[in-house]
Amino acid sequence: MQAAASDEQTAVPCVIMRAGTSKGIFFHAQDIPPPGTERDALLKRVMGSDDLLQLDGLGGSRLVTSKIAIVGPPTRQDADVDYTYAIVPPGRDIVVYTSNCGNISSGVGPFAIDAGLVRASADVTVVRIHNTNTGKVLVAHVPVLNGRARVYGAFAIPGVQGTGAEIFLDYRHTLGAKTGRALPTGNVTDKLLIEDGRALEVTIGDVANPCVFVRAQDVGITGNETPDQINESRPLMELLKEVRGKAAQKIGLCTHWSLAEEASPALPLVVLVAPPADYTTTDGASVGGPEMDLRARLIFYNKCHESMAGTGSMCTAAMSRMPHTLVHQVVSDPSAKTLRIGHPLGVMSVVAEANVDASGAAVFERLGFSRTARRIMDGRVYVAKQVESREPA
């Protein structure tokens, strides 16, 4: 770490990046403490974790702006860098490392190139990223110019204004990210017994991150709802919280579903799926049913995602190619080479090329998605050496 800026604060080098539809603080691993309580305390102060608005830190009061990437030299031979993802949920005073974030992942390759961790080569530099959260390697294809990651390009993603250089992320090697199996229970569908006596049919998948998929109609919604409409429905959110907990218990992420909030606050993600249909995005744009293959609303940390998580898109894509899963049942064309996911801000297209082998399992030739990323700021963030108690005025 660099020398203290004063007796009361420490200055730490960092980069702020917009990566996909998220924004995060990127650190070189050498500039922060090793894993442990000291690192956690630092990251919470960087983000301003105690406050829902995160006014006293760099967090932006939303889950999609409360993310962190820690990037350093690789610890395995098949990778170019190690990358640890962390999130500091606003107001919860915790740092969570149990999952990966696909959007933040899209910034890791550009950060690594610009930080000198990976040497730029040709017009597109391949960066093999070891995600320490899941133990899996994902591969970023990063456009470069004059030894640095490119910014300008013609690629657009819903939820981000303008266009940028297209970064393709290959997720073929992330099957069984947390549990070791793409279908952790061995079943394409399972029944979860809800406390009110209902048996709810779900699909539990584990690609990039574990997800539990539920038909939107089975929980009383259409699939066209905005994030605010979903978040404001307390009965729905309580039901989805229970679904998440019972799926977490079923795949061994907690010992009892009621303990999921403490034992596994991030995983599994909950994805509500519905067949294609016309809807209006959060910002008022009209999307036609023929423009998509399914509609999806993703829940994480008991809130609806403003768009679609990158890892959630990968698990959704993988399940869409596995016969008889709930996702496979609702997509318009499960044999297509791309999957178009209608989310609250528009349609996200991902690559999902698969063949079904003799056993009925999907074998992926290509599985990935494209994002854009941009370095917004680099410098030093100032963090208090200790949090002093403040007496009320």
Protein backbone atom coordinates (compact mmCIF):
# COMPACT_ATOMS: atom_id res chain seq x y z
CA MET A 1 0.00 0.00 0.00
CA GLN A 2 1.12 3.55 -0.63
CA ALA A 3 2.15 5.92 2.12
CA ALA A 4 -0.61 7.37 4.25
CA ALA A 5 -2.12 10.62 3.06
CA SER A 6 -2.39 11.73 6.69
CA ASP A 7 -2.37 10.35 10.19
CA GLU A 8 -6.08 9.65 9.84
CA GLN A 9 -6.49 8.40 6.24
CA THR A 10 -4.76 6.01 3.88
CA ALA A 11 -4.53 6.52 0.11
CA VAL A 12 -5.06 3.39 -1.99
CA PRO A 13 -4.60 3.21 -5.80
CA CYS A 14 -7.73 2.19 -7.67
CA VAL A 15 -9.57 2.43 -10.97
CA ILE A 16 -13.28 3.06 -11.48
CA MET A 17 -14.65 1.21 -14.49
CA ARG A 18 -18.00 0.83 -16.13
CA ALA A 19 -18.06 -2.83 -17.10
CA GLY A 20 -21.11 -4.02 -19.00
CA THR A 21 -24.19 -2.76 -17.16
CA SER A 22 -22.36 -2.47 -13.84
CA LYS A 23 -19.81 -0.10 -12.37
CA GLY A 24 -17.05 -1.18 -10.01
CA ILE A 25 -13.85 -0.33 -8.22
CA PHE A 26 -10.87 -2.23 -9.65
CA PHE A 27 -7.77 -2.87 -7.53
CA HIS A 28 -4.39 -4.37 -8.35
CA ALA A 29 -4.01 -7.15 -5.76
CA GLN A 30 -0.63 -5.78 -4.64
CA ASP A 31 -2.22 -2.50 -3.54
CA ILE A 32 -4.60 -3.91 -0.92
CA PRO A 33 -4.21 -6.32 2.02
CA PRO A 34 -4.42 -10.09 1.43
CA PRO A 35 -7.73 -11.88 2.01
CA GLY A 36 -8.96 -11.49 5.56
CA THR A 37 -10.52 -9.07 8.00
CA GLU A 38 -8.17 -6.21 7.13
CA ARG A 39 -9.10 -6.43 3.44
CA ASP A 40 -12.81 -6.61 4.26
CA ALA A 41 -12.62 -3.57 6.51
CA LEU A 42 -10.85 -1.61 3.79
CA LEU A 43 -13.35 -2.57 1.08
CA LYS A 44 -16.32 -1.65 3.26
CA ARG A 45 -14.82 1.77 3.95
CA VAL A 46 -14.01 2.27 0.26
CA MET A 47 -17.66 1.70 -0.65
CA GLY A 48 -19.28 3.37 2.38
CA SER A 49 -21.08 0.17 3.29
CA ASP A 50 -22.92 1.24 6.46
CA ASP A 51 -25.11 3.72 4.62
CA LEU A 52 -27.85 2.75 2.17
CA LEU A 53 -26.85 5.74 0.04
CA GLN A 54 -23.12 5.01 0.46
CA LEU A 55 -22.49 8.75 0.67
CA ASP A 56 -19.19 8.32 2.52
CA GLY A 57 -17.64 6.07 -0.11
CA LEU A 58 -17.45 5.24 -3.79
CA GLY A 59 -20.50 2.98 -3.85
CA GLY A 60 -23.46 4.30 -5.78
CA SER A 61 -26.27 3.10 -3.47
CA ARG A 62 -27.32 0.37 -5.93
CA LEU A 63 -26.19 -3.21 -6.20
CA VAL A 64 -24.94 -2.66 -9.77
CA THR A 65 -22.63 0.14 -8.55
CA SER A 66 -21.40 -1.54 -5.35
CA LYS A 67 -19.03 -4.02 -6.96
CA ILE A 68 -15.29 -4.64 -6.70
CA ALA A 69 -12.70 -6.47 -8.80
CA ILE A 70 -9.30 -7.47 -7.40
CA VAL A 71 -6.89 -8.45 -10.17
CA GLY A 72 -3.36 -9.81 -9.89
CA PRO A 73 -0.84 -12.32 -11.27
CA PRO A 74 -2.16 -15.84 -11.92
CA THR A 75 -1.90 -18.70 -9.46
CA ARG A 76 -2.51 -21.39 -12.09
CA GLN A 77 -0.75 -22.14 -15.36
CA ASP A 78 -3.83 -22.01 -17.58
CA ALA A 79 -4.61 -18.39 -16.68
CA ASP A 80 -3.06 -14.98 -17.33
CA VAL A 81 -4.53 -13.27 -14.25
CA ASP A 82 -6.37 -14.06 -11.05
CA TYR A 83 -9.58 -12.13 -10.48
CA THR A 84 -11.61 -11.99 -7.28
CA TYR A 85 -15.07 -10.46 -7.37
CA ALA A 86 -16.59 -8.83 -4.31
CA ILE A 87 -19.79 -6.93 -3.66
CA VAL A 88 -20.59 -4.64 -0.73
CA PRO A 89 -24.41 -4.49 -0.65
CA PRO A 90 -25.57 -1.03 0.45
CA GLY A 91 -26.39 -0.77 4.14
CA ARG A 92 -25.55 -4.38 5.04
CA ASP A 93 -21.98 -3.95 6.34
CA ILE A 94 -20.76 -7.15 4.65
CA VAL A 95 -18.40 -8.11 1.83
CA VAL A 96 -19.57 -11.09 -0.23
CA TYR A 97 -17.15 -13.20 -2.29
CA THR A 98 -19.28 -16.28 -2.99
CA SER A 99 -20.18 -15.55 -6.62
CA ASN A 100 -18.85 -14.05 -9.82
CA CYS A 101 -20.27 -11.12 -11.80
CA GLY A 102 -20.32 -11.42 -15.57
CA ASN A 103 -20.57 -7.69 -16.17
CA ILE A 104 -17.64 -6.81 -13.90
CA SER A 105 -15.73 -9.70 -15.51
CA SER A 106 -15.87 -7.82 -18.81
CA GLY A 107 -13.67 -5.10 -17.30
CA VAL A 108 -10.99 -7.48 -16.04
CA GLY A 109 -9.28 -8.00 -19.42
CA PRO A 110 -9.04 -4.26 -20.22
CA PHE A 111 -7.87 -3.51 -16.68
CA ALA A 112 -5.20 -6.23 -16.85
CA ILE A 113 -3.89 -4.96 -20.19
CA ASP A 114 -3.81 -1.32 -19.13
CA ALA A 115 -2.19 -2.21 -15.79
CA GLY A 116 0.61 -4.14 -17.53
CA LEU A 117 -0.45 -7.52 -16.14
CA VAL A 118 -1.07 -8.82 -19.67
CA ARG A 119 0.83 -7.72 -22.77
CA ALA A 120 -1.33 -6.48 -25.63
CA SER A 121 -0.94 -8.45 -28.87
CA ALA A 122 -2.40 -8.15 -32.38
CA ASP A 123 -5.75 -6.40 -32.72
CA VAL A 124 -7.49 -8.59 -30.16
CA THR A 125 -5.74 -9.80 -27.03
CA VAL A 126 -6.91 -13.01 -25.37
CA VAL A 127 -6.93 -12.81 -21.57
CA ARG A 128 -7.47 -16.04 -19.62
CA ILE A 129 -9.10 -15.04 -16.35
CA HIS A 130 -9.06 -17.31 -13.31
CA ASN A 131 -12.07 -16.34 -11.25
CA THR A 132 -11.06 -17.29 -7.71
CA ASN A 133 -14.67 -17.15 -6.47
CA THR A 134 -15.67 -20.15 -8.57
CA GLY A 135 -12.31 -21.69 -9.46
CA LYS A 136 -13.22 -21.47 -13.15
CA VAL A 137 -11.38 -19.88 -16.09
CA LEU A 138 -13.22 -17.57 -18.45
CA VAL A 139 -11.61 -16.11 -21.55
CA ALA A 140 -11.90 -12.45 -22.60
CA HIS A 141 -11.22 -11.34 -26.17
CA VAL A 142 -10.24 -7.68 -25.80
CA PRO A 143 -9.76 -5.27 -28.74
CA VAL A 144 -6.54 -3.26 -28.34
CA LEU A 145 -4.91 -0.24 -29.93
CA ASN A 146 -1.32 0.93 -29.34
CA GLY A 147 -0.87 -1.43 -26.42
CA ARG A 148 -4.02 -0.46 -24.53
CA ALA A 149 -7.59 -1.71 -24.42
CA ARG A 150 -9.80 -0.02 -27.00
CA VAL A 151 -12.77 2.08 -25.90
CA TYR A 152 -14.44 3.15 -29.14
CA GLY A 153 -16.43 0.73 -31.25
CA ALA A 154 -19.82 0.02 -32.78
CA PHE A 155 -21.15 -2.48 -30.24
CA ALA A 156 -24.19 -1.48 -28.16
CA ILE A 157 -25.74 -3.12 -25.12
CA PRO A 158 -29.17 -2.32 -23.62
CA GLY A 159 -28.80 -0.28 -20.46
CA VAL A 160 -25.64 1.57 -21.56
CA GLN A 161 -25.77 4.72 -23.65
CA GLY A 162 -23.81 4.83 -26.88
CA THR A 163 -21.49 2.18 -28.28
CA GLY A 164 -18.06 0.79 -27.49
CA ALA A 165 -15.42 -1.78 -28.37
CA GLU A 166 -16.86 -5.29 -28.25
CA ILE A 167 -15.35 -7.60 -25.61
CA PHE A 168 -16.37 -11.25 -26.02
CA LEU A 169 -16.36 -13.43 -22.90
CA ASP A 170 -16.13 -17.21 -23.37
CA TYR A 171 -17.86 -19.13 -20.54
CA ARG A 172 -17.64 -22.68 -21.88
CA HIS A 173 -15.47 -23.80 -18.98
CA THR A 174 -17.72 -22.52 -16.20
CA LEU A 175 -20.19 -25.41 -16.04
CA GLY A 176 -20.62 -26.52 -12.44
CA ALA A 177 -19.10 -23.28 -11.14
CA LYS A 178 -20.02 -23.84 -7.48
CA THR A 179 -21.36 -27.37 -7.27
CA GLY A 180 -19.34 -29.20 -9.92
CA ARG A 181 -22.41 -30.04 -12.03
CA ALA A 182 -24.40 -28.03 -14.56
CA LEU A 183 -27.52 -29.66 -13.10
CA PRO A 184 -26.60 -29.87 -9.39
CA THR A 185 -29.50 -32.14 -8.41
CA GLY A 186 -29.12 -34.35 -11.47
CA ASN A 187 -32.65 -33.39 -12.55
CA VAL A 188 -33.91 -31.06 -15.28
CA THR A 189 -36.73 -30.02 -12.95
CA ASP A 190 -37.34 -30.31 -9.22
CA LYS A 191 -40.27 -29.63 -6.91
CA LEU A 192 -39.83 -27.23 -3.99
CA LEU A 193 -42.40 -27.59 -1.22
CA ILE A 194 -43.43 -24.07 -0.21
CA GLU A 195 -44.47 -23.37 3.38
CA ASP A 196 -48.02 -22.54 2.24
CA GLY A 197 -48.36 -26.11 0.96
CA ARG A 198 -47.70 -25.52 -2.74
CA ALA A 199 -45.25 -27.63 -4.74
CA LEU A 200 -43.42 -25.24 -7.07
CA GLU A 201 -41.65 -26.66 -10.12
CA VAL A 202 -38.18 -25.21 -10.73
CA THR A 203 -34.98 -25.88 -12.63
CA ILE A 204 -31.72 -25.48 -10.73
CA GLY A 205 -28.69 -24.88 -12.94
CA ASP A 206 -25.05 -24.09 -12.24
CA VAL A 207 -23.20 -22.44 -15.11
CA ALA A 208 -21.12 -19.33 -14.31
CA ASN A 209 -23.23 -19.02 -11.13
CA PRO A 210 -25.98 -21.24 -9.70
CA CYS A 211 -29.50 -20.09 -10.60
CA VAL A 212 -32.98 -21.32 -9.74
CA PHE A 213 -35.46 -20.83 -12.58
CA VAL A 214 -39.18 -20.34 -11.97
CA ARG A 215 -42.04 -19.77 -14.40
CA ALA A 216 -43.29 -16.22 -13.96
CA GLN A 217 -46.90 -17.38 -14.18
CA ASP A 218 -46.35 -19.85 -11.34
CA VAL A 219 -45.65 -17.01 -8.92
CA GLY A 220 -48.52 -14.84 -10.12
CA ILE A 221 -46.86 -12.43 -12.56
CA THR A 222 -46.76 -12.03 -16.32
CA GLY A 223 -43.03 -11.57 -16.90
CA ASN A 224 -43.48 -8.01 -18.15
CA GLU A 225 -43.09 -6.37 -14.75
CA THR A 226 -40.52 -3.64 -14.09
CA PRO A 227 -37.97 -4.04 -11.29
CA ASP A 228 -39.88 -1.53 -9.14
CA GLN A 229 -43.13 -3.44 -9.58
CA ILE A 230 -41.44 -6.65 -8.50
CA ASN A 231 -39.54 -5.08 -5.61
CA GLU A 232 -42.66 -3.38 -4.26
CA SER A 233 -44.66 -6.62 -4.09
CA ARG A 234 -43.85 -7.86 -0.60
CA PRO A 235 -45.73 -11.19 -0.94
CA LEU A 236 -43.86 -11.95 -4.18
CA MET A 237 -40.47 -11.05 -2.74
CA GLU A 238 -41.10 -13.14 0.37
CA LEU A 239 -42.03 -16.10 -1.84
CA LEU A 240 -38.93 -15.70 -4.00
CA LYS A 241 -36.79 -15.38 -0.87
CA GLU A 242 -38.16 -18.74 0.26
CA VAL A 243 -37.62 -20.27 -3.18
CA ARG A 244 -34.02 -19.08 -3.18
CA GLY A 245 -33.44 -20.45 0.30
CA LYS A 246 -34.92 -23.85 -0.46
CA ALA A 247 -32.93 -24.12 -3.68
CA ALA A 248 -29.77 -23.14 -1.76
CA GLN A 249 -30.45 -25.89 0.77
CA LYS A 250 -31.14 -28.43 -1.98
CA ILE A 251 -27.72 -27.87 -3.57
CA GLY A 252 -25.80 -27.70 -0.30
CA LEU A 253 -25.20 -23.95 0.03
CA CYS A 254 -26.87 -23.86 3.46
CA THR A 255 -28.06 -26.41 6.02
CA HIS A 256 -31.61 -25.03 6.21
CA TRP A 257 -33.42 -22.72 3.86
CA SER A 258 -34.07 -20.16 6.59
CA LEU A 259 -30.28 -19.70 6.98
CA ALA A 260 -29.62 -18.86 3.32
CA GLU A 261 -29.45 -15.09 3.92
CA GLU A 262 -26.48 -15.57 6.24
CA ALA A 263 -24.82 -18.65 4.73
CA SER A 264 -25.25 -17.80 1.02
CA PRO A 265 -26.61 -14.27 0.53
CA ALA A 266 -25.76 -14.13 -3.18
CA LEU A 267 -26.50 -17.60 -4.53
CA PRO A 268 -28.44 -19.03 -6.15
CA LEU A 269 -29.75 -16.21 -8.30
CA VAL A 270 -33.49 -16.41 -8.98
CA VAL A 271 -34.60 -16.08 -12.60
CA LEU A 272 -38.27 -15.69 -13.51
CA VAL A 273 -38.87 -16.87 -17.09
CA ALA A 274 -41.75 -16.43 -19.52
CA PRO A 275 -42.31 -17.00 -23.25
CA PRO A 276 -41.69 -14.15 -25.71
CA ALA A 277 -44.25 -11.33 -25.70
CA ASP A 278 -44.48 -7.60 -26.31
CA TYR A 279 -43.54 -5.40 -23.35
CA THR A 280 -42.37 -1.93 -22.41
CA THR A 281 -38.91 -1.41 -20.95
CA THR A 282 -38.20 0.51 -17.76
CA ASP A 283 -37.26 3.58 -19.80
CA GLY A 284 -40.45 3.44 -21.87
CA ALA A 285 -39.27 1.74 -25.08
CA SER A 286 -41.45 -0.86 -26.79
CA VAL A 287 -40.04 -4.34 -27.40
CA GLY A 288 -41.83 -6.81 -29.66
CA GLY A 289 -42.16 -10.50 -28.93
CA PRO A 290 -40.41 -11.53 -32.20
CA GLU A 291 -37.30 -9.66 -31.02
CA MET A 292 -36.64 -12.16 -28.22
CA ASP A 293 -36.59 -15.86 -27.40
CA LEU A 294 -37.85 -15.49 -23.81
CA ARG A 295 -38.48 -12.88 -21.13
CA ALA A 296 -36.50 -12.96 -17.87
CA ARG A 297 -36.44 -11.06 -14.60
CA LEU A 298 -33.46 -11.81 -12.36
CA ILE A 299 -33.48 -11.44 -8.56
CA PHE A 300 -30.30 -11.02 -6.52
CA TYR A 301 -29.92 -9.87 -2.92
CA ASN A 302 -33.74 -9.86 -2.80
CA LYS A 303 -34.04 -7.17 -5.46
CA CYS A 304 -34.83 -7.32 -9.16
CA HIS A 305 -31.86 -6.62 -11.40
CA GLU A 306 -32.23 -3.50 -13.53
CA SER A 307 -31.29 -5.52 -16.61
CA MET A 308 -29.69 -8.99 -16.71
CA ALA A 309 -26.64 -10.25 -14.85
CA GLY A 310 -23.91 -11.54 -17.16
CA THR A 311 -23.51 -14.79 -15.25
CA GLY A 312 -27.28 -15.11 -15.04
CA SER A 313 -27.45 -14.82 -18.83
CA MET A 314 -24.92 -17.64 -19.17
CA CYS A 315 -26.82 -20.00 -16.88
CA THR A 316 -30.07 -19.07 -18.65
CA ALA A 317 -28.46 -19.75 -22.03
CA ALA A 318 -27.06 -23.08 -20.91
CA MET A 319 -30.39 -24.22 -19.46
CA SER A 320 -32.17 -23.14 -22.65
CA ARG A 321 -30.18 -25.76 -24.56
CA MET A 322 -30.77 -28.58 -22.08
CA PRO A 323 -33.93 -30.48 -23.05
CA HIS A 324 -36.92 -30.37 -20.68
CA THR A 325 -35.64 -27.67 -18.33
CA LEU A 326 -38.13 -24.88 -17.60
CA VAL A 327 -36.00 -22.51 -19.68
CA HIS A 328 -35.91 -24.92 -22.62
CA GLN A 329 -39.70 -25.17 -22.42
CA VAL A 330 -40.33 -21.42 -22.83
CA VAL A 331 -37.76 -20.38 -25.47
CA SER A 332 -39.01 -19.84 -29.01
CA ASP A 333 -36.13 -21.72 -30.70
CA PRO A 334 -33.93 -23.88 -28.43
CA SER A 335 -31.77 -24.96 -31.39
CA ALA A 336 -30.67 -21.46 -32.45
CA LYS A 337 -27.04 -20.35 -32.13
CA THR A 338 -27.97 -17.29 -30.08
CA LEU A 339 -30.39 -16.70 -27.23
CA ARG A 340 -32.17 -13.34 -27.04
CA ILE A 341 -33.20 -12.51 -23.48
CA GLY A 342 -35.86 -9.84 -22.98
CA HIS A 343 -35.02 -8.05 -19.71
CA PRO A 344 -36.27 -4.81 -18.10
CA LEU A 345 -34.02 -2.57 -20.22
CA GLY A 346 -34.23 -4.36 -23.56
CA VAL A 347 -32.94 -7.50 -25.27
CA MET A 348 -29.57 -9.10 -24.57
CA SER A 349 -28.20 -11.54 -27.17
CA VAL A 350 -25.81 -14.25 -26.03
CA VAL A 351 -24.06 -17.06 -27.87
CA ALA A 352 -25.29 -20.55 -27.04
CA GLU A 353 -24.24 -23.12 -29.61
CA ALA A 354 -24.82 -26.66 -28.37
CA ASN A 355 -25.36 -30.18 -29.59
CA VAL A 356 -27.34 -32.78 -27.68
CA ASP A 357 -25.41 -36.03 -27.29
CA ALA A 358 -26.76 -39.59 -27.13
CA SER A 359 -27.46 -39.28 -23.40
CA GLY A 360 -29.59 -36.18 -23.92
CA ALA A 361 -26.98 -33.81 -22.45
CA ALA A 362 -26.03 -30.53 -24.10
CA VAL A 363 -22.43 -30.21 -25.28
CA PHE A 364 -21.44 -26.58 -25.85
CA GLU A 365 -19.37 -25.53 -28.83
CA ARG A 366 -19.70 -21.85 -27.92
CA LEU A 367 -21.14 -20.21 -24.81
CA GLY A 368 -20.53 -16.55 -24.14
CA PHE A 369 -21.64 -12.97 -24.45
CA SER A 370 -20.32 -9.58 -25.47
CA ARG A 371 -19.99 -6.45 -23.35
CA THR A 372 -18.27 -3.09 -23.49
CA ALA A 373 -16.16 -1.53 -20.75
CA ARG A 374 -14.55 1.82 -20.10
CA ARG A 375 -12.04 3.17 -17.61
CA ILE A 376 -13.69 6.18 -15.99
CA MET A 377 -11.12 7.25 -13.42
CA ASP A 378 -7.83 6.17 -11.92
CA GLY A 379 -6.22 7.63 -8.85
CA ARG A 380 -6.30 7.03 -5.12
CA VAL A 381 -9.24 6.48 -2.83
CA TYR A 382 -8.90 7.82 0.73
CA VAL A 383 -10.12 5.62 3.55
CA ALA A 384 -10.24 6.34 7.26
CA LYS A 385 -7.77 4.31 9.30
CA GLN A 386 -10.43 3.78 11.93
CA VAL A 387 -14.11 4.53 12.24
CA GLU A 388 -14.64 6.87 15.14
CA SER A 389 -17.87 6.99 17.08
CA ARG A 390 -19.74 10.23 16.64
CA GLU A 391 -21.82 11.79 19.35
CA PRO A 392 -25.13 13.31 18.23
CA ALA A 393 -25.11 17.08 17.98
